[in-house]
């Protein structure tokens, strides 16, 4: 999972920026007619982040599980169709 973070730092920073902007809108909108908008944006951005993280963790686990072949990991640089003929 840490490899994913290092490869996709721009995605992680964009999620952090989205949550910060939603928190700012929530804080500024307290007591106004935009309070529900702030709550909705903050809740949706955090929920989407959590769902995407869980999906990515499951996806990486399945990919790693399928990449093993009789206990040996296949190299990532060689496509599967080329490995069959060897």
Protein backbone atom coordinates (compact mmCIF):
# COMPACT_ATOMS: atom_id res chain seq x y z
CA UNK A 1 0.00 0.00 0.00
CA UNK A 2 2.90 2.37 0.65
CA UNK A 3 4.07 1.84 -2.91
CA UNK A 4 0.70 3.04 -4.10
CA UNK A 5 1.04 6.22 -2.02
CA UNK A 6 4.47 6.98 -3.42
CA UNK A 7 3.34 6.38 -7.00
CA UNK A 8 0.14 8.46 -6.64
CA UNK A 9 1.13 11.37 -4.44
CA UNK A 10 -0.83 13.83 -6.58
CA UNK A 11 -4.03 11.86 -6.01
CA UNK A 12 -3.43 11.76 -2.25
CA UNK A 13 -2.80 15.52 -2.16
CA UNK A 14 -5.92 16.21 -4.22
CA UNK A 15 -8.03 14.18 -1.75
CA UNK A 16 -6.46 16.10 1.14
CA UNK A 17 -7.20 19.40 -0.62
CA UNK A 18 -10.81 18.35 -1.24
CA UNK A 19 -11.30 17.55 2.44
CA UNK A 20 -9.65 20.81 3.53
CA UNK A 21 -11.85 22.85 1.17
CA UNK A 22 -14.95 21.01 2.41
CA UNK A 23 -13.90 21.68 6.02
CA UNK A 24 -13.43 25.38 5.22
CA UNK A 25 -16.87 25.57 3.60
CA UNK A 26 -18.30 23.76 6.62
CA UNK A 27 -16.60 26.16 9.03
CA UNK A 28 -17.58 29.31 7.13
CA UNK A 29 -21.13 28.13 6.57
CA UNK A 30 -21.94 27.42 10.22
CA UNK A 31 -25.09 29.23 11.23
CA UNK A 32 -25.94 30.26 7.67
CA UNK A 33 -28.14 28.80 4.99
CA UNK A 34 -25.07 27.02 3.54
CA UNK A 35 -24.44 24.91 6.63
CA UNK A 36 -26.10 21.84 5.11
CA UNK A 37 -24.00 22.25 1.96
CA UNK A 38 -20.84 22.25 4.08
CA UNK A 39 -21.94 19.20 6.04
CA UNK A 40 -22.82 17.37 2.84
CA UNK A 41 -19.55 18.19 1.10
CA UNK A 42 -17.46 17.24 4.11
CA UNK A 43 -19.34 13.99 4.69
CA UNK A 44 -19.27 13.03 1.02
CA UNK A 45 -15.58 13.78 0.56
CA UNK A 46 -14.56 11.77 3.63
CA UNK A 47 -16.90 8.89 2.77
CA UNK A 48 -15.62 8.78 -0.79
CA UNK A 49 -12.02 8.79 0.43
CA UNK A 50 -12.69 5.89 2.80
CA UNK A 51 -14.56 3.89 0.14
CA UNK A 52 -11.82 4.44 -2.43
CA UNK A 53 -9.12 3.43 0.10
CA UNK A 54 -10.97 0.23 0.99
CA UNK A 55 -11.55 -0.57 -2.69
CA UNK A 56 -7.89 0.08 -3.51
CA UNK A 57 -6.72 -2.14 -0.65
CA UNK A 58 -8.99 -4.97 -1.81
CA UNK A 59 -7.90 -4.43 -5.42
CA UNK A 60 -4.20 -4.56 -4.53
CA UNK A 61 -4.73 -7.69 -2.43
CA UNK A 62 -6.53 -9.45 -5.28
CA UNK A 63 -3.88 -8.42 -7.79
CA UNK A 64 -1.12 -9.68 -5.50
CA UNK A 65 -3.04 -12.91 -4.88
CA UNK A 66 -3.58 -13.50 -8.61
CA UNK A 67 0.02 -12.60 -9.46
CA UNK A 68 1.40 -15.51 -7.45
CA UNK A 69 1.96 -18.66 -9.46
CA UNK A 70 2.68 -21.77 -7.36
CA UNK A 71 4.13 -19.68 -4.57
CA UNK A 72 6.40 -17.66 -6.88
CA UNK A 73 5.56 -14.11 -7.82
CA UNK A 74 5.60 -13.32 -11.48
CA UNK A 75 7.71 -10.35 -12.53
CA UNK A 76 5.66 -7.24 -13.19
CA UNK A 77 7.61 -6.32 -16.31
CA UNK A 78 6.74 -9.51 -18.21
CA UNK A 79 3.16 -9.86 -19.54
CA UNK A 80 1.27 -13.06 -18.65
CA UNK A 81 0.87 -14.18 -22.27
CA UNK A 82 4.65 -14.18 -22.74
CA UNK A 83 5.26 -16.18 -19.57
CA UNK A 84 3.07 -19.10 -20.62
CA UNK A 85 5.32 -20.10 -23.47
CA UNK A 86 8.45 -20.24 -21.32
